[in-house]
Amino acid sequence: MTFNKLFVVGAAVMALGIAAGAAFGQTSEQKALIDAAKAQGVVGEQADGYLGIRTPPAPAPLAAAVSDTNDARRQAYGERARAAGTSTEVAAARMFELQLLSRIPSGQWYRNAAGQWVQR
């Protein structure tokens, strides 16, 4: 991928980041459930741009909230990827790099690109 294409993808992802916070197809109850699970180390962001369950099995409501959020993210990443002429996977990973990683508070967990869970 050329630098120009990476720049366009980065710009598109940055635009997506403005709406990324609580939006992403979550109800307020799902957001609260995910936020609590992140604080407890059960759920974390992943380098692929999606949420992951760090300590399975997750209770059904939490698993559903993570799934719904990831489905909405996949759709948003796909839209931005098409606009930037790249893949959904590239757009999702760039979102993690440019927006999500910097928003992870100290003490919370995330899965890095090597697949390891790391505490911030």
Protein backbone atom coordinates (compact mmCIF):
# COMPACT_ATOMS: atom_id res chain seq x y z
CA MET A 1 0.00 0.00 0.00
CA THR A 2 1.38 3.38 -0.95
CA PHE A 3 1.90 6.23 1.49
CA ASN A 4 -0.90 8.24 -0.18
CA LYS A 5 -3.37 5.38 0.21
CA LEU A 6 -2.34 4.93 3.86
CA PHE A 7 -2.85 8.66 4.39
CA VAL A 8 -6.36 8.48 2.89
CA VAL A 9 -7.21 5.46 5.04
CA GLY A 10 -5.86 7.25 8.12
CA ALA A 11 -7.91 10.35 7.35
CA ALA A 12 -11.05 8.27 6.82
CA VAL A 13 -10.47 6.43 10.08
CA MET A 14 -9.90 9.69 11.93
CA ALA A 15 -13.26 10.88 10.61
CA LEU A 16 -14.79 7.63 11.82
CA GLY A 17 -13.18 8.15 15.22
CA ILE A 18 -15.27 11.23 15.85
CA ALA A 19 -18.39 9.06 15.88
CA ALA A 20 -16.76 5.97 17.32
CA GLY A 21 -17.20 6.48 21.04
CA ALA A 22 -20.51 5.35 22.46
CA ALA A 23 -22.17 5.09 19.07
CA PHE A 24 -21.22 1.85 17.34
CA GLY A 25 -24.65 0.30 17.66
CA GLN A 26 -24.71 0.17 21.46
CA THR A 27 -27.62 0.83 23.71
CA SER A 28 -26.78 2.76 26.87
CA GLU A 29 -27.16 -0.50 28.81
CA GLN A 30 -24.72 -2.30 26.50
CA LYS A 31 -22.21 0.54 26.77
CA ALA A 32 -22.43 0.44 30.57
CA LEU A 33 -22.02 -3.34 30.55
CA ILE A 34 -18.97 -3.17 28.26
CA ASP A 35 -17.42 -0.29 30.20
CA ALA A 36 -17.80 -2.23 33.47
CA ALA A 37 -16.34 -5.36 31.86
CA LYS A 38 -13.37 -3.36 30.55
CA ALA A 39 -12.75 -1.94 34.02
CA GLN A 40 -12.82 -5.49 35.44
CA GLY A 41 -10.43 -6.80 32.78
CA VAL A 42 -13.00 -9.10 31.20
CA VAL A 43 -13.27 -7.23 27.87
CA GLY A 44 -10.66 -5.26 25.98
CA GLU A 45 -9.94 -3.56 22.72
CA GLN A 46 -7.99 -5.52 20.13
CA ALA A 47 -5.43 -4.49 17.52
CA ASP A 48 -7.86 -5.66 14.84
CA GLY A 49 -10.23 -2.81 15.80
CA TYR A 50 -12.81 -4.94 17.58
CA LEU A 51 -13.65 -5.78 21.17
CA GLY A 52 -12.53 -9.10 22.59
CA ILE A 53 -13.53 -11.12 25.61
CA ARG A 54 -10.35 -11.65 27.60
CA THR A 55 -11.71 -14.06 30.19
CA PRO A 56 -14.32 -16.35 28.62
CA PRO A 57 -16.94 -17.47 29.05
CA ALA A 58 -18.80 -14.18 29.21
CA PRO A 59 -22.37 -13.90 30.48
CA ALA A 60 -24.87 -13.88 27.62
CA PRO A 61 -25.80 -10.18 27.91
CA LEU A 62 -22.11 -9.17 27.78
CA ALA A 63 -21.38 -11.49 24.85
CA ALA A 64 -24.36 -10.03 23.00
CA ALA A 65 -23.23 -6.45 23.73
CA VAL A 66 -19.72 -7.22 22.43
CA SER A 67 -21.14 -8.93 19.34
CA ASP A 68 -23.54 -6.05 18.59
CA THR A 69 -20.76 -3.49 19.01
CA ASN A 70 -18.39 -5.45 16.79
CA ASP A 71 -21.08 -5.87 14.11
CA ALA A 72 -21.66 -2.11 14.09
CA ARG A 73 -17.92 -1.44 13.99
CA ARG A 74 -17.51 -3.87 11.08
CA GLN A 75 -20.19 -2.01 9.13
CA ALA A 76 -18.65 1.41 9.89
CA TYR A 77 -15.14 0.22 9.05
CA GLY A 78 -16.43 -1.28 5.79
CA GLU A 79 -18.04 2.00 4.76
CA ARG A 80 -14.85 3.93 5.48
CA ALA A 81 -12.71 1.29 3.77
CA ARG A 82 -14.76 1.47 0.57
CA ALA A 83 -14.51 5.25 0.58
CA ALA A 84 -10.72 5.03 1.01
CA GLY A 85 -10.26 2.17 -1.47
CA THR A 86 -8.91 -0.32 1.05
CA SER A 87 -10.09 -3.34 3.01
CA THR A 88 -12.27 -3.41 6.09
CA GLU A 89 -9.45 -5.14 7.96
CA VAL A 90 -6.98 -2.34 7.18
CA ALA A 91 -9.49 0.34 8.20
CA ALA A 92 -10.26 -1.52 11.45
CA ALA A 93 -6.59 -1.94 12.37
CA ARG A 94 -5.90 1.73 11.60
CA MET A 95 -8.81 2.73 13.85
CA PHE A 96 -7.15 0.83 16.68
CA GLU A 97 -3.79 2.47 16.00
CA LEU A 98 -5.09 6.01 15.52
CA GLN A 99 -7.98 6.20 17.97
CA LEU A 100 -8.76 3.24 20.20
CA LEU A 101 -5.32 2.50 21.66
CA SER A 102 -4.83 6.04 22.93
CA ARG A 103 -8.23 5.94 24.65
CA ILE A 104 -7.50 2.84 26.75
CA PRO A 105 -7.11 3.95 30.37
CA SER A 106 -4.30 2.76 32.60
CA GLY A 107 -5.09 -0.61 34.14
CA GLN A 108 -7.30 -1.84 31.30
CA TRP A 109 -6.36 -4.63 28.92
CA TYR A 110 -5.94 -4.75 25.15
CA ARG A 111 -4.84 -7.45 22.71
CA ASN A 112 -1.82 -6.40 20.67
CA ALA A 113 -1.09 -7.34 17.05
CA ALA A 114 0.84 -10.42 18.25
CA GLY A 115 -2.35 -11.69 19.92
CA GLN A 116 -1.15 -11.14 23.49
CA TRP A 117 -3.30 -9.48 26.13
CA VAL A 118 -1.41 -6.53 27.62
CA GLN A 119 -2.38 -4.38 30.58
CA ARG A 120 -1.94 -0.67 29.96
